Amino acid sequence: MSQEKSRQDYWKRNLRLVTLCLSIWFVVSYLFGIVLVDQLNAISIGGYELGFWFAQQGSMYIFVVLIFFYAWRMNKLDREFDVHED
């Protein structure tokens, strides 16, 4: 595989991962926390309405999980394309 092709594949897979993470974050923070809040408030977990929970805390928890997920996947991708740091 040529070096240019390898760089293009690496960048394409990186962009796909970023797009996935941003899409998940958008769904959780905007759709669950704002748009669908009334429908989610019909569900109660631990005494709190689910829509309220997503708006106040859930989106932040998901964001932190996405940070760790992104770091893990990028480390794996870096090793696959031999661009990792030792």
N, C-alpha and C. Protein backbone atom coordinates (compact mmCIF):
# COMPACT_ATOMS: atom_id res chain seq x y z
N MET A 1 0.85 -1.17 0.00
CA MET A 1 0.00 0.00 0.00
C MET A 1 0.90 1.24 0.00
N SER A 2 0.63 2.16 -0.87
CA SER A 2 1.45 3.36 -0.94
C SER A 2 1.22 4.23 0.30
N GLN A 3 2.19 5.05 0.56
CA GLN A 3 2.10 5.90 1.75
C GLN A 3 0.95 6.91 1.62
N GLU A 4 0.75 7.45 0.43
CA GLU A 4 -0.35 8.40 0.23
C GLU A 4 -1.70 7.73 0.43
N LYS A 5 -1.86 6.52 -0.09
CA LYS A 5 -3.11 5.77 0.07
C LYS A 5 -3.34 5.46 1.55
N SER A 6 -2.28 5.10 2.25
CA SER A 6 -2.37 4.81 3.67
C SER A 6 -2.81 6.05 4.44
N ARG A 7 -2.25 7.20 4.12
CA ARG A 7 -2.64 8.44 4.78
C ARG A 7 -4.11 8.78 4.52
N GLN A 8 -4.54 8.58 3.31
CA GLN A 8 -5.94 8.86 2.97
C GLN A 8 -6.88 7.91 3.73
N ASP A 9 -6.53 6.65 3.80
CA ASP A 9 -7.35 5.69 4.55
C ASP A 9 -7.39 6.02 6.03
N TYR A 10 -6.25 6.39 6.57
CA TYR A 10 -6.18 6.77 7.99
C TYR A 10 -7.08 7.98 8.25
N TRP A 11 -6.96 9.00 7.42
CA TRP A 11 -7.75 10.22 7.61
C TRP A 11 -9.24 9.94 7.42
N LYS A 12 -9.58 9.11 6.44
CA LYS A 12 -10.99 8.78 6.20
C LYS A 12 -11.59 8.05 7.41
N ARG A 13 -10.86 7.12 7.97
CA ARG A 13 -11.36 6.39 9.13
C ARG A 13 -11.43 7.27 10.37
N ASN A 14 -10.48 8.20 10.49
CA ASN A 14 -10.52 9.16 11.59
C ASN A 14 -11.75 10.05 11.47
N LEU A 15 -12.04 10.56 10.31
CA LEU A 15 -13.22 11.40 10.10
C LEU A 15 -14.51 10.63 10.36
N ARG A 16 -14.54 9.37 9.96
CA ARG A 16 -15.72 8.54 10.22
C ARG A 16 -15.94 8.39 11.73
N LEU A 17 -14.87 8.19 12.48
CA LEU A 17 -14.96 8.06 13.93
C LEU A 17 -15.43 9.37 14.57
N VAL A 18 -14.88 10.49 14.12
CA VAL A 18 -15.29 11.80 14.65
C VAL A 18 -16.76 12.05 14.34
N THR A 19 -17.18 11.72 13.13
CA THR A 19 -18.58 11.91 12.74
C THR A 19 -19.51 11.05 13.61
N LEU A 20 -19.12 9.82 13.87
CA LEU A 20 -19.91 8.94 14.73
C LEU A 20 -20.04 9.53 16.13
N CYS A 21 -18.93 9.95 16.71
CA CYS A 21 -18.96 10.50 18.07
C CYS A 21 -19.79 11.77 18.14
N LEU A 22 -19.64 12.66 17.17
CA LEU A 22 -20.42 13.89 17.18
C LEU A 22 -21.90 13.62 16.96
N SER A 23 -22.22 12.63 16.15
CA SER A 23 -23.62 12.28 15.93
C SER A 23 -24.26 11.75 17.20
N ILE A 24 -23.56 10.88 17.91
CA ILE A 24 -24.07 10.35 19.17
C ILE A 24 -24.25 11.49 20.18
N TRP A 25 -23.28 12.37 20.26
CA TRP A 25 -23.37 13.50 21.19
C TRP A 25 -24.54 14.41 20.84
N PHE A 26 -24.76 14.65 19.55
CA PHE A 26 -25.89 15.48 19.11
C PHE A 26 -27.22 14.84 19.51
N VAL A 27 -27.35 13.56 19.25
CA VAL A 27 -28.60 12.86 19.58
C VAL A 27 -28.88 12.94 21.08
N VAL A 28 -27.86 12.67 21.87
CA VAL A 28 -28.05 12.64 23.32
C VAL A 28 -28.29 14.04 23.89
N SER A 29 -27.48 15.00 23.48
CA SER A 29 -27.60 16.32 24.10
C SER A 29 -28.73 17.15 23.52
N TYR A 30 -28.88 17.17 22.21
CA TYR A 30 -29.89 18.03 21.60
C TYR A 30 -31.25 17.34 21.50
N LEU A 31 -31.27 16.16 20.90
CA LEU A 31 -32.56 15.49 20.71
C LEU A 31 -33.14 15.00 22.03
N PHE A 32 -32.35 14.27 22.83
CA PHE A 32 -32.86 13.74 24.10
C PHE A 32 -33.06 14.84 25.13
N GLY A 33 -32.17 15.83 25.16
CA GLY A 33 -32.23 16.86 26.18
C GLY A 33 -33.15 18.02 25.87
N ILE A 34 -33.49 18.24 24.59
CA ILE A 34 -34.30 19.40 24.23
C ILE A 34 -35.54 19.01 23.43
N VAL A 35 -35.34 18.35 22.30
CA VAL A 35 -36.46 18.07 21.38
C VAL A 35 -37.40 17.01 21.93
N LEU A 36 -36.86 15.92 22.43
CA LEU A 36 -37.69 14.80 22.89
C LEU A 36 -37.89 14.79 24.40
N VAL A 37 -37.64 15.91 25.05
CA VAL A 37 -37.69 15.94 26.50
C VAL A 37 -39.08 15.59 27.05
N ASP A 38 -40.13 16.05 26.41
CA ASP A 38 -41.48 15.76 26.90
C ASP A 38 -41.81 14.27 26.82
N GLN A 39 -41.43 13.63 25.73
CA GLN A 39 -41.68 12.20 25.59
C GLN A 39 -40.84 11.40 26.59
N LEU A 40 -39.59 11.80 26.79
CA LEU A 40 -38.72 11.08 27.73
C LEU A 40 -39.12 11.32 29.18
N ASN A 41 -39.74 12.44 29.45
CA ASN A 41 -40.17 12.72 30.83
C ASN A 41 -41.28 11.78 31.29
N ALA A 42 -41.88 11.06 30.38
CA ALA A 42 -42.89 10.06 30.75
C ALA A 42 -42.23 8.86 31.45
N ILE A 43 -40.92 8.73 31.29
CA ILE A 43 -40.16 7.64 31.91
C ILE A 43 -39.43 8.20 33.12
N SER A 44 -39.54 7.52 34.24
CA SER A 44 -38.89 7.97 35.46
C SER A 44 -37.88 6.92 35.91
N ILE A 45 -36.68 7.39 36.22
CA ILE A 45 -35.62 6.51 36.71
C ILE A 45 -35.07 7.11 37.99
N GLY A 46 -35.17 6.39 39.07
CA GLY A 46 -34.67 6.86 40.35
C GLY A 46 -35.36 8.11 40.85
N GLY A 47 -36.60 8.31 40.45
CA GLY A 47 -37.35 9.48 40.90
C GLY A 47 -37.18 10.69 40.02
N TYR A 48 -36.34 10.60 38.99
CA TYR A 48 -36.12 11.72 38.08
C TYR A 48 -36.68 11.39 36.71
N GLU A 49 -37.24 12.39 36.08
CA GLU A 49 -37.75 12.19 34.72
C GLU A 49 -36.56 12.04 33.78
N LEU A 50 -36.66 11.12 32.85
CA LEU A 50 -35.54 10.80 31.97
C LEU A 50 -35.12 11.98 31.10
N GLY A 51 -36.06 12.75 30.60
CA GLY A 51 -35.72 13.92 29.79
C GLY A 51 -34.93 14.95 30.59
N PHE A 52 -35.35 15.19 31.83
CA PHE A 52 -34.63 16.10 32.72
C PHE A 52 -33.23 15.59 32.98
N TRP A 53 -33.11 14.28 33.21
CA TRP A 53 -31.80 13.69 33.50
C TRP A 53 -30.85 13.87 32.32
N PHE A 54 -31.33 13.60 31.09
CA PHE A 54 -30.49 13.78 29.91
C PHE A 54 -30.07 15.24 29.76
N ALA A 55 -30.99 16.15 29.99
CA ALA A 55 -30.69 17.57 29.84
C ALA A 55 -29.68 18.04 30.89
N GLN A 56 -29.76 17.53 32.11
CA GLN A 56 -28.90 18.03 33.19
C GLN A 56 -27.60 17.24 33.35
N GLN A 57 -27.65 15.92 33.19
CA GLN A 57 -26.46 15.12 33.49
C GLN A 57 -26.12 14.13 32.39
N GLY A 58 -27.11 13.54 31.78
CA GLY A 58 -26.86 12.46 30.84
C GLY A 58 -25.96 12.83 29.69
N SER A 59 -26.16 14.00 29.12
CA SER A 59 -25.34 14.40 27.99
C SER A 59 -23.87 14.58 28.40
N MET A 60 -23.64 15.03 29.63
CA MET A 60 -22.25 15.17 30.10
C MET A 60 -21.60 13.80 30.31
N TYR A 61 -22.37 12.86 30.88
CA TYR A 61 -21.82 11.51 31.05
C TYR A 61 -21.50 10.87 29.71
N ILE A 62 -22.40 11.02 28.77
CA ILE A 62 -22.17 10.46 27.43
C ILE A 62 -20.95 11.11 26.79
N PHE A 63 -20.79 12.42 26.96
CA PHE A 63 -19.64 13.13 26.41
C PHE A 63 -18.33 12.57 26.97
N VAL A 64 -18.27 12.34 28.27
CA VAL A 64 -17.06 11.79 28.89
C VAL A 64 -16.80 10.37 28.37
N VAL A 65 -17.85 9.57 28.24
CA VAL A 65 -17.69 8.22 27.68
C VAL A 65 -17.18 8.31 26.25
N LEU A 66 -17.69 9.24 25.47
CA LEU A 66 -17.24 9.41 24.09
C LEU A 66 -15.77 9.83 24.01
N ILE A 67 -15.32 10.61 24.96
CA ILE A 67 -13.89 10.99 24.98
C ILE A 67 -13.02 9.75 25.15
N PHE A 68 -13.38 8.90 26.12
CA PHE A 68 -12.60 7.68 26.34
C PHE A 68 -12.72 6.72 25.15
N PHE A 69 -13.91 6.62 24.58
CA PHE A 69 -14.11 5.77 23.41
C PHE A 69 -13.25 6.25 22.24
N TYR A 70 -13.27 7.55 22.00
CA TYR A 70 -12.47 8.12 20.90
C TYR A 70 -10.98 7.86 21.11
N ALA A 71 -10.50 8.08 22.32
CA ALA A 71 -9.08 7.84 22.61
C ALA A 71 -8.71 6.38 22.40
N TRP A 72 -9.57 5.47 22.86
CA TRP A 72 -9.31 4.04 22.70
C TRP A 72 -9.27 3.65 21.22
N ARG A 73 -10.27 4.11 20.45
CA ARG A 73 -10.34 3.77 19.03
C ARG A 73 -9.19 4.40 18.24
N MET A 74 -8.80 5.63 18.60
CA MET A 74 -7.70 6.27 17.89
C MET A 74 -6.38 5.58 18.20
N ASN A 75 -6.19 5.13 19.42
CA ASN A 75 -4.97 4.36 19.73
C ASN A 75 -4.92 3.09 18.91
N LYS A 76 -6.05 2.44 18.79
CA LYS A 76 -6.12 1.22 17.98
C LYS A 76 -5.84 1.53 16.51
N LEU A 77 -6.43 2.61 16.01
CA LEU A 77 -6.22 3.01 14.62
C LEU A 77 -4.77 3.43 14.38
N ASP A 78 -4.18 4.14 15.33
CA ASP A 78 -2.78 4.55 15.21
C ASP A 78 -1.86 3.33 15.11
N ARG A 79 -2.14 2.32 15.91
CA ARG A 79 -1.32 1.10 15.85
C ARG A 79 -1.51 0.37 14.52
N GLU A 80 -2.74 0.35 14.05
CA GLU A 80 -3.02 -0.32 12.77
C GLU A 80 -2.27 0.33 11.63
N PHE A 81 -2.15 1.65 11.64
CA PHE A 81 -1.45 2.36 10.57
C PHE A 81 -0.01 2.70 10.94
N ASP A 82 0.46 2.17 12.05
CA ASP A 82 1.83 2.33 12.52
C ASP A 82 2.24 3.80 12.65
N VAL A 83 1.37 4.58 13.27
CA VAL A 83 1.67 5.99 13.55
C VAL A 83 1.55 6.27 15.05
N HIS A 84 1.60 5.22 15.85
CA HIS A 84 1.44 5.37 17.30
C HIS A 84 2.73 5.87 17.94
N GLU A 85 2.55 6.44 19.12
CA GLU A 85 3.69 6.91 19.91
C GLU A 85 4.08 5.80 20.88
N ASP A 86 5.34 5.69 21.11
CA ASP A 86 5.81 4.67 22.05
C ASP A 86 6.07 5.24 23.40
